[in-house]
N, C-alpha and C. Protein backbone atom coordinates (compact mmCIF):
# COMPACT_ATOMS: atom_id res chain seq x y z
N MET A 1 -13.46 15.91 -122.24
CA MET A 1 -12.63 15.85 -121.47
C MET A 1 -11.38 17.19 -121.79
N THR A 2 -12.49 18.36 -122.82
CA THR A 2 -11.27 18.97 -123.36
C THR A 2 -11.28 20.15 -121.45
N LEU A 3 -12.84 19.82 -121.74
CA LEU A 3 -12.00 20.84 -120.03
C LEU A 3 -11.65 20.23 -119.13
N ALA A 4 -11.30 19.59 -118.88
CA ALA A 4 -10.14 18.79 -117.90
C ALA A 4 -9.06 19.23 -118.67
N LYS A 5 -8.40 18.11 -119.38
CA LYS A 5 -6.81 19.37 -120.32
C LYS A 5 -7.03 21.15 -120.26
N THR A 6 -7.79 21.45 -120.48
CA THR A 6 -7.84 22.87 -119.93
C THR A 6 -6.89 23.06 -119.37
N TRP A 7 -7.63 22.64 -117.85
CA TRP A 7 -7.57 22.69 -116.55
C TRP A 7 -6.29 22.08 -116.24
N LEU A 8 -5.92 21.16 -116.89
CA LEU A 8 -4.66 21.14 -116.32
C LEU A 8 -3.52 21.25 -117.19
N ARG A 9 -3.53 21.69 -118.08
CA ARG A 9 -2.36 22.87 -118.20
C ARG A 9 -2.07 24.21 -118.22
N LEU A 10 -3.19 24.91 -118.33
CA LEU A 10 -3.37 26.38 -117.01
C LEU A 10 -3.24 25.88 -115.44
N SER A 11 -3.04 24.90 -115.12
CA SER A 11 -2.18 24.68 -113.89
C SER A 11 -0.84 24.39 -113.35
N VAL A 12 -0.21 23.99 -114.87
CA VAL A 12 0.68 23.94 -114.97
C VAL A 12 1.75 25.07 -115.75
N LYS A 13 0.44 25.61 -115.74
CA LYS A 13 1.02 27.24 -116.46
C LYS A 13 1.17 28.40 -115.69
N TYR A 14 0.14 28.26 -114.34
CA TYR A 14 -0.09 29.01 -112.97
C TYR A 14 0.04 28.15 -112.18
N PRO A 15 0.94 27.78 -111.60
CA PRO A 15 0.48 26.65 -110.50
C PRO A 15 0.51 27.68 -109.28
N VAL A 16 1.32 28.93 -109.05
CA VAL A 16 0.87 29.26 -108.22
C VAL A 16 -0.30 29.88 -107.72
N SER A 17 -0.63 30.16 -108.66
CA SER A 17 -2.83 30.50 -108.36
C SER A 17 -3.03 29.48 -108.17
N TYR A 18 -3.13 28.54 -109.25
CA TYR A 18 -3.61 27.54 -108.43
C TYR A 18 -3.90 26.83 -106.93
N ALA A 19 -2.39 26.86 -106.25
CA ALA A 19 -2.31 26.57 -105.15
C ALA A 19 -2.96 27.69 -104.28
N GLU A 20 -2.67 28.92 -104.55
CA GLU A 20 -2.84 30.25 -103.61
C GLU A 20 -4.82 30.44 -104.02
N ALA A 21 -5.95 29.38 -105.09
CA ALA A 21 -6.84 29.45 -105.24
C ALA A 21 -7.42 28.55 -104.41
N PHE A 22 -6.57 27.72 -104.69
CA PHE A 22 -7.63 25.78 -103.47
C PHE A 22 -6.73 26.73 -101.91
N LEU A 23 -5.61 26.93 -101.34
CA LEU A 23 -5.82 27.75 -100.14
C LEU A 23 -7.01 28.56 -99.82
N ASP A 24 -6.92 29.40 -100.30
CA ASP A 24 -8.56 30.76 -100.09
C ASP A 24 -10.08 29.28 -99.91
N LEU A 25 -10.12 28.63 -100.94
CA LEU A 25 -11.19 28.20 -101.23
C LEU A 25 -11.09 27.11 -99.66
N THR A 26 -10.43 26.22 -99.78
CA THR A 26 -10.34 25.49 -98.23
C THR A 26 -9.68 25.55 -97.37
N ARG A 27 -9.58 27.39 -96.93
CA ARG A 27 -9.23 27.39 -95.61
C ARG A 27 -9.65 27.67 -94.29
N GLY A 28 -11.04 27.67 -94.79
CA GLY A 28 -12.30 27.28 -93.33
C GLY A 28 -11.21 25.81 -93.03
N LEU A 29 -11.08 25.12 -94.21
CA LEU A 29 -11.09 23.57 -93.20
C LEU A 29 -9.68 23.23 -92.64
N TRP A 30 -8.54 23.96 -92.72
CA TRP A 30 -7.57 24.09 -92.12
C TRP A 30 -7.00 24.80 -91.18
N TYR A 31 -7.62 26.17 -91.63
CA TYR A 31 -7.59 27.40 -90.80
C TYR A 31 -8.74 27.56 -89.52
N ILE A 32 -8.55 27.59 -88.12
CA ILE A 32 -9.24 27.74 -86.72
C ILE A 32 -9.48 28.81 -86.62
N GLY A 33 -8.28 29.69 -86.67
CA GLY A 33 -9.94 30.92 -87.00
C GLY A 33 -10.31 31.73 -87.63
N ASP A 34 -10.62 30.84 -88.88
CA ASP A 34 -11.80 31.43 -89.85
C ASP A 34 -12.74 31.41 -89.95
N VAL A 35 -13.33 32.89 -89.65
CA VAL A 35 -15.03 32.95 -89.82
C VAL A 35 -16.10 33.39 -91.14
N SER A 36 -15.28 32.95 -92.67
CA SER A 36 -15.24 33.96 -93.54
C SER A 36 -16.57 32.69 -93.80
N HIS A 37 -17.57 31.64 -93.93
CA HIS A 37 -18.59 31.18 -93.88
C HIS A 37 -19.53 32.20 -93.09
N MET A 38 -19.09 32.98 -91.73
CA MET A 38 -20.28 33.88 -91.55
C MET A 38 -19.92 34.67 -92.70
N GLN A 39 -19.33 35.57 -92.79
CA GLN A 39 -19.23 36.77 -93.58
C GLN A 39 -19.48 36.88 -94.94
N ASN A 40 -18.92 35.37 -95.72
CA ASN A 40 -19.86 34.87 -96.95
C ASN A 40 -21.12 35.01 -97.48
N TYR A 41 -21.89 33.58 -96.20
CA TYR A 41 -22.81 33.27 -96.79
C TYR A 41 -24.01 33.94 -95.80
N TRP A 42 -24.43 35.13 -94.51
CA TRP A 42 -24.64 35.63 -92.96
C TRP A 42 -25.24 36.96 -94.83
N VAL A 43 -26.97 36.54 -94.68
CA VAL A 43 -27.45 37.29 -95.20
C VAL A 43 -28.51 37.88 -93.82
N PRO A 44 -29.35 39.04 -93.61
CA PRO A 44 -29.70 39.35 -92.88
C PRO A 44 -31.14 39.20 -92.96
N SER A 45 -32.15 39.30 -91.78
CA SER A 45 -33.13 39.09 -91.52
C SER A 45 -34.71 37.65 -92.44
N ASP A 46 -34.41 37.66 -93.32
CA ASP A 46 -35.02 36.16 -94.12
C ASP A 46 -34.18 35.72 -95.14
N GLY A 47 -32.84 35.86 -95.14
CA GLY A 47 -32.31 35.59 -96.43
C GLY A 47 -31.69 34.26 -96.27
N TYR A 48 -30.86 33.61 -97.26
CA TYR A 48 -30.58 32.11 -97.21
C TYR A 48 -30.78 31.34 -95.74
N MET A 49 -29.32 32.27 -95.26
CA MET A 49 -28.66 31.22 -93.96
C MET A 49 -29.30 31.68 -92.87
N SER A 50 -30.57 32.81 -92.86
CA SER A 50 -30.91 32.74 -91.56
C SER A 50 -32.22 31.71 -90.92
N PHE A 51 -32.71 32.59 -90.59
CA PHE A 51 -34.46 32.05 -90.15
C PHE A 51 -34.79 32.74 -88.91
N SER A 52 -35.67 33.16 -88.97
CA SER A 52 -36.98 34.39 -87.40
C SER A 52 -37.99 33.04 -87.32
N SER A 53 -37.74 32.54 -86.84
CA SER A 53 -39.60 32.57 -86.22
C SER A 53 -40.21 33.41 -85.20
N GLN A 54 -40.24 34.39 -85.88
CA GLN A 54 -41.10 36.14 -85.31
C GLN A 54 -42.09 36.10 -87.02
N SER A 55 -41.34 35.53 -87.85
CA SER A 55 -41.18 36.50 -89.42
C SER A 55 -43.22 35.32 -89.74
N ASN A 56 -43.69 36.73 -89.83
CA ASN A 56 -45.58 36.29 -90.15
C ASN A 56 -45.68 37.58 -91.09
N LEU A 57 -44.76 36.55 -91.44
CA LEU A 57 -44.99 36.74 -93.61
C LEU A 57 -46.69 35.86 -93.90
N PRO A 58 -47.69 36.66 -94.22
CA PRO A 58 -49.19 35.89 -94.75
C PRO A 58 -48.72 34.72 -95.21
N ALA A 59 -48.04 34.63 -96.78
CA ALA A 59 -48.06 33.68 -97.61
C ALA A 59 -47.55 32.53 -96.67
N PHE A 60 -46.88 32.90 -95.64
CA PHE A 60 -46.07 31.52 -95.00
C PHE A 60 -46.20 32.09 -94.10
N PRO A 61 -47.61 31.41 -92.82
CA PRO A 61 -47.74 31.37 -91.44
C PRO A 61 -47.24 30.34 -90.27
N VAL A 62 -46.33 30.27 -90.04
CA VAL A 62 -45.24 29.04 -90.21
C VAL A 62 -45.10 30.25 -88.20
N GLY A 63 -46.07 29.13 -87.70
CA GLY A 63 -45.82 28.90 -85.82
C GLY A 63 -45.21 28.01 -84.84
N TYR A 64 -44.60 28.49 -83.82
CA TYR A 64 -43.82 27.96 -82.73
C TYR A 64 -43.55 27.98 -81.79
N ARG A 65 -43.83 26.77 -81.81
CA ARG A 65 -44.13 27.16 -79.85
C ARG A 65 -42.86 25.40 -79.15
N THR A 66 -42.75 26.32 -78.31
CA THR A 66 -41.89 25.21 -77.38
C THR A 66 -41.91 24.99 -75.84
N LEU A 67 -41.67 24.12 -75.34
CA LEU A 67 -41.92 23.50 -73.96
C LEU A 67 -40.86 24.14 -73.15
N VAL A 68 -40.19 25.13 -73.08
CA VAL A 68 -38.76 25.35 -73.00
C VAL A 68 -38.73 27.21 -73.95
N PRO A 69 -38.52 27.84 -73.37
CA PRO A 69 -38.88 29.17 -74.36
C PRO A 69 -37.86 29.65 -74.05
N ALA A 70 -37.41 29.43 -72.84
CA ALA A 70 -35.39 29.59 -72.00
C ALA A 70 -34.48 29.10 -73.10
N PHE A 71 -34.75 28.05 -73.79
CA PHE A 71 -33.77 27.41 -73.84
C PHE A 71 -33.90 27.73 -75.46
N ARG A 72 -34.57 28.26 -75.99
CA ARG A 72 -35.24 28.57 -77.81
C ARG A 72 -34.68 29.93 -78.31
N ILE A 73 -34.51 30.82 -77.13
CA ILE A 73 -33.88 31.56 -76.83
C ILE A 73 -31.86 31.43 -76.23
N PHE A 74 -31.60 31.02 -75.45
CA PHE A 74 -30.23 30.44 -76.08
C PHE A 74 -29.54 30.13 -76.58
N PHE A 75 -30.74 29.76 -77.42
CA PHE A 75 -29.69 29.10 -78.87
C PHE A 75 -30.08 29.43 -79.77
N GLU A 76 -30.95 30.50 -79.73
CA GLU A 76 -30.79 31.58 -81.03
C GLU A 76 -29.79 32.17 -80.50
N LYS A 77 -28.83 32.86 -79.40
CA LYS A 77 -28.49 34.19 -79.61
C LYS A 77 -26.94 33.40 -79.89
N ALA A 78 -26.65 32.09 -79.19
CA ALA A 78 -25.50 31.53 -79.42
C ALA A 78 -25.34 30.68 -80.31
N PHE A 79 -25.70 30.20 -81.19
CA PHE A 79 -26.06 30.11 -82.69
C PHE A 79 -26.30 30.41 -83.84
N ARG A 80 -27.72 31.56 -84.11
CA ARG A 80 -28.30 31.72 -85.35
C ARG A 80 -27.12 32.80 -84.70
N ASP A 81 -27.15 33.44 -84.11
CA ASP A 81 -26.44 35.37 -83.94
C ASP A 81 -25.75 35.09 -84.03
N ASN A 82 -24.98 34.03 -83.98
CA ASN A 82 -23.15 33.44 -83.57
C ASN A 82 -22.44 34.01 -82.39
N GLY A 83 -23.45 34.26 -81.09
CA GLY A 83 -22.76 34.34 -80.10
C GLY A 83 -22.10 33.17 -79.16
N TYR A 84 -21.32 32.21 -79.92
CA TYR A 84 -20.37 30.90 -79.64
C TYR A 84 -19.56 31.16 -79.85
N LEU A 85 -18.87 32.08 -80.67
CA LEU A 85 -17.48 33.84 -81.43
C LEU A 85 -16.98 34.35 -80.08
N SER A 86 -17.85 34.44 -79.40
CA SER A 86 -17.78 35.06 -77.97
C SER A 86 -17.19 34.76 -77.55
N VAL A 87 -16.52 33.08 -77.15
CA VAL A 87 -16.07 32.09 -76.41
C VAL A 87 -15.12 32.48 -76.67
N PRO A 88 -14.17 32.64 -76.48
CA PRO A 88 -13.43 31.82 -76.84
C PRO A 88 -12.39 29.90 -76.76
N ILE A 89 -12.72 29.35 -75.80
CA ILE A 89 -12.53 27.96 -76.11
C ILE A 89 -13.72 27.01 -76.74
N ILE A 90 -14.98 27.82 -77.33
CA ILE A 90 -16.12 26.34 -77.73
C ILE A 90 -16.37 27.25 -78.86
N LYS A 91 -15.74 28.47 -79.14
CA LYS A 91 -15.26 28.77 -80.68
C LYS A 91 -14.09 28.53 -81.38
N TYR A 92 -13.32 27.94 -80.57
CA TYR A 92 -12.39 26.28 -81.09
C TYR A 92 -12.22 25.22 -81.33
N LEU A 93 -13.77 24.83 -80.04
CA LEU A 93 -14.42 23.03 -80.43
C LEU A 93 -14.99 23.55 -81.87
N PHE A 94 -16.29 24.30 -81.93
CA PHE A 94 -16.52 24.32 -83.18
C PHE A 94 -15.84 25.03 -84.53
N ALA A 95 -14.65 24.96 -84.73
CA ALA A 95 -14.19 25.30 -85.72
C ALA A 95 -14.15 23.86 -86.75
N ILE A 96 -13.60 24.00 -87.70
CA ILE A 96 -14.29 23.25 -88.86
C ILE A 96 -12.67 22.46 -88.29
N GLY A 97 -11.80 23.65 -88.23
CA GLY A 97 -10.43 23.42 -88.83
C GLY A 97 -9.32 23.62 -87.21
N THR A 98 -10.61 23.26 -86.23
CA THR A 98 -9.76 22.61 -85.04
C THR A 98 -10.02 20.39 -85.52
N GLN A 99 -11.69 20.34 -86.09
CA GLN A 99 -11.92 18.61 -86.35
C GLN A 99 -10.67 18.02 -87.19
N THR A 100 -10.15 19.09 -88.43
CA THR A 100 -9.52 18.97 -89.13
C THR A 100 -8.07 18.76 -88.85
N TRP A 101 -7.51 19.19 -87.51
CA TRP A 101 -6.39 18.35 -87.15
C TRP A 101 -6.27 18.11 -86.06
N ILE A 102 -7.91 18.23 -85.80
CA ILE A 102 -7.73 16.33 -85.37
C ILE A 102 -7.41 15.17 -85.39
N VAL A 103 -8.08 15.38 -86.60
CA VAL A 103 -8.23 14.13 -87.77
C VAL A 103 -6.90 13.84 -88.33
N LEU A 104 -5.70 15.15 -88.05
CA LEU A 104 -4.81 14.69 -88.62
C LEU A 104 -3.66 14.33 -87.16
N ILE A 105 -3.94 14.69 -86.68
CA ILE A 105 -2.24 14.39 -85.48
C ILE A 105 -3.08 13.69 -85.03
N GLY A 106 -4.64 12.86 -85.01
CA GLY A 106 -4.90 11.65 -84.31
C GLY A 106 -4.17 10.96 -85.11
N LEU A 107 -4.41 10.18 -86.17
CA LEU A 107 -3.83 9.21 -87.20
C LEU A 107 -2.38 10.17 -86.79
N LEU A 108 -1.73 10.54 -87.27
CA LEU A 108 -0.11 10.26 -87.03
C LEU A 108 0.44 9.68 -85.59
N TYR A 109 -0.62 10.04 -84.23
CA TYR A 109 -0.47 9.67 -83.15
C TYR A 109 0.06 7.52 -83.01
N ALA A 110 -2.18 7.39 -83.21
CA ALA A 110 -2.40 6.27 -84.22
C ALA A 110 -1.39 5.62 -84.48
N ILE A 111 -0.60 6.27 -85.18
CA ILE A 111 -0.02 5.68 -86.79
C ILE A 111 1.64 5.21 -85.66
N TYR A 112 2.33 6.78 -84.97
CA TYR A 112 3.27 6.71 -83.88
C TYR A 112 2.94 5.79 -82.90
N ARG A 113 2.35 5.16 -82.71
CA ARG A 113 2.64 4.34 -81.01
C ARG A 113 1.54 2.94 -81.85
N LYS A 114 1.68 2.80 -82.81
CA LYS A 114 1.14 1.82 -83.35
C LYS A 114 -0.36 0.94 -83.26
N LYS A 115 -1.28 1.39 -82.42
CA LYS A 115 -2.85 1.52 -81.90
C LYS A 115 -3.57 1.16 -83.56
N ARG A 116 -3.81 -0.22 -83.90
CA ARG A 116 -4.71 -0.89 -84.37
C ARG A 116 -6.10 -0.18 -85.28
N VAL A 117 -6.78 -0.17 -83.72
CA VAL A 117 -8.05 0.45 -84.13
C VAL A 117 -8.37 2.04 -84.44
N PRO A 118 -7.44 2.81 -83.45
CA PRO A 118 -7.62 4.86 -83.24
C PRO A 118 -6.85 4.46 -85.02
N THR A 119 -6.25 3.88 -85.38
CA THR A 119 -5.45 3.81 -87.00
C THR A 119 -6.89 3.77 -88.18
N ALA A 120 -8.10 3.02 -86.99
CA ALA A 120 -8.66 2.23 -88.95
C ALA A 120 -9.99 3.42 -88.20
N LEU A 121 -9.56 4.46 -87.37
CA LEU A 121 -11.36 5.21 -87.20
C LEU A 121 -10.50 6.38 -87.87
N PHE A 122 -9.42 6.96 -86.78
CA PHE A 122 -8.60 7.94 -87.70
C PHE A 122 -9.16 8.06 -89.63
N SER A 123 -8.65 6.31 -90.21
CA SER A 123 -8.34 6.62 -91.65
C SER A 123 -9.28 6.67 -91.85
N PHE A 124 -10.71 6.62 -90.98
CA PHE A 124 -11.72 6.60 -91.76
C PHE A 124 -12.57 7.88 -91.42
N ALA A 125 -12.30 9.02 -90.25
CA ALA A 125 -12.59 10.52 -90.34
C ALA A 125 -11.71 11.04 -92.38
N LEU A 126 -10.50 10.35 -91.82
CA LEU A 126 -9.41 11.22 -93.35
C LEU A 126 -10.29 11.00 -93.60
N CYS A 127 -11.24 10.24 -94.30
CA CYS A 127 -11.94 9.63 -96.05
C CYS A 127 -13.13 10.17 -96.02
N VAL A 128 -13.80 10.82 -94.96
CA VAL A 128 -15.00 11.45 -94.90
C VAL A 128 -14.01 12.84 -94.87
N LEU A 129 -12.74 13.21 -94.56
CA LEU A 129 -12.30 14.98 -94.64
C LEU A 129 -12.25 15.44 -96.25
N LEU A 130 -11.05 14.54 -96.82
CA LEU A 130 -10.95 14.39 -98.19
C LEU A 130 -11.59 14.92 -98.70
N PRO A 131 -12.82 14.45 -98.98
CA PRO A 131 -13.84 14.84 -99.91
C PRO A 131 -14.12 16.72 -99.76
N LEU A 132 -13.81 17.12 -98.38
CA LEU A 132 -14.06 18.10 -98.24
C LEU A 132 -13.37 19.24 -99.02
N PHE A 133 -12.30 18.88 -99.41
CA PHE A 133 -11.48 19.62 -99.78
C PHE A 133 -12.20 20.23 -101.48
N LEU A 134 -12.86 19.62 -101.32
CA LEU A 134 -12.95 19.68 -103.15
C LEU A 134 -14.71 20.80 -103.21
N LEU A 135 -15.02 20.28 -101.95
CA LEU A 135 -15.91 21.84 -102.11
C LEU A 135 -15.18 23.66 -102.28
N PRO A 136 -16.59 23.69 -102.78
CA PRO A 136 -16.62 25.76 -102.54
C PRO A 136 -15.88 26.26 -101.73
N CYS A 137 -16.78 25.60 -100.75
CA CYS A 137 -16.73 26.29 -99.21
C CYS A 137 -16.20 25.36 -98.30
N ALA A 138 -16.47 26.42 -97.10
CA ALA A 138 -16.40 25.13 -96.16
C ALA A 138 -17.83 25.47 -94.14
N LEU A 139 -18.88 24.80 -94.62
CA LEU A 139 -19.59 25.08 -93.70
C LEU A 139 -19.54 24.27 -93.03
N ASN A 140 -19.83 24.45 -91.04
CA ASN A 140 -20.07 23.50 -90.36
C ASN A 140 -21.07 22.02 -90.70
N ARG A 141 -21.87 22.79 -91.39
CA ARG A 141 -23.13 21.75 -92.24
C ARG A 141 -22.14 20.04 -93.04
N TYR A 142 -21.63 20.50 -93.60
CA TYR A 142 -20.33 20.09 -94.37
C TYR A 142 -19.23 19.14 -93.91
N SER A 143 -19.55 19.89 -92.33
CA SER A 143 -18.37 18.85 -91.72
C SER A 143 -19.16 18.09 -90.93
N LEU A 144 -19.95 18.33 -90.62
CA LEU A 144 -20.74 17.43 -89.32
C LEU A 144 -20.42 16.42 -89.14
N PRO A 145 -20.28 15.47 -89.75
CA PRO A 145 -19.65 13.72 -89.36
C PRO A 145 -18.11 14.11 -88.99
N LEU A 146 -17.43 14.92 -88.79
CA LEU A 146 -16.13 15.11 -88.17
C LEU A 146 -16.48 15.51 -86.86
N PHE A 147 -17.41 15.68 -86.68
CA PHE A 147 -18.07 16.86 -85.47
C PHE A 147 -18.54 15.43 -84.41
N PHE A 148 -18.86 14.66 -84.95
CA PHE A 148 -19.42 12.90 -84.27
C PHE A 148 -18.21 12.64 -84.11
N LEU A 149 -17.56 12.03 -84.90
CA LEU A 149 -16.51 10.81 -85.34
C LEU A 149 -14.96 10.80 -84.56
N ASN A 150 -15.12 12.47 -84.34
CA ASN A 150 -13.81 13.12 -83.37
C ASN A 150 -13.79 12.45 -82.66
N PRO A 151 -14.99 12.35 -81.52
CA PRO A 151 -14.30 12.50 -80.08
C PRO A 151 -14.44 10.65 -79.65
N LEU A 152 -15.34 10.14 -80.32
CA LEU A 152 -15.49 8.71 -80.97
C LEU A 152 -13.98 7.66 -81.09
N CYS A 153 -13.12 8.43 -81.48
CA CYS A 153 -12.16 9.04 -82.18
C CYS A 153 -10.35 8.43 -81.71
N ILE A 154 -10.42 10.42 -80.89
CA ILE A 154 -10.15 10.11 -79.78
C ILE A 154 -10.11 9.51 -78.01
N LEU A 155 -11.43 8.89 -78.15
CA LEU A 155 -11.36 7.94 -77.06
C LEU A 155 -11.18 6.71 -77.50
N SER A 156 -11.12 6.46 -78.98
CA SER A 156 -10.95 4.80 -79.02
C SER A 156 -9.10 5.42 -79.34
N LEU A 157 -7.91 5.72 -78.84
CA LEU A 157 -6.74 6.40 -78.29
C LEU A 157 -6.55 5.41 -76.85
N ARG A 158 -7.69 5.69 -76.42
CA ARG A 158 -6.93 5.15 -74.83
C ARG A 158 -7.54 3.29 -75.20
N CYS A 159 -7.74 2.56 -76.58
CA CYS A 159 -7.82 0.99 -76.24
C CYS A 159 -5.85 1.12 -75.81
N GLN A 160 -6.51 -0.84 -75.73
CA GLN A 160 -4.82 -0.74 -75.83
C GLN A 160 -4.47 -1.45 -77.23
N GLN A 161 -5.01 -1.39 -78.13
CA GLN A 161 -4.42 -2.31 -78.71
C GLN A 161 -3.52 -0.91 -80.20
């Protein structure tokens, strides 16, 4: 309990520092052009965030066979090597910030139009989104439910109710 009291006392004493820290830690969730998740967590070759199917480590002999090698090469260039960032529209579709703004704008639109089903779906997406603001970083894998929910939410806007 003393940690919570200390945190609260310091947040009252230094509100600007706490606000700046919160905005910086959650930048990937609200800023569409954010690529800090790649700058902070990219470790080349055999690190935490990388995967190499060409690894020939004797202690870990992992073989990889694919029926469609061209698809595997495309997938590695596009996503493992972050090649999708060079395509402007695709870059923004896969941005976590885009998913956040879709939820917020869609919810406001559904409420304004008094559409019950879309409002419920966007509210659920908002409930999925809000805990992400408590995380110390924004990675796509944490926001994966939003990538699946948002198309459903957008389609629900076509409902008559």
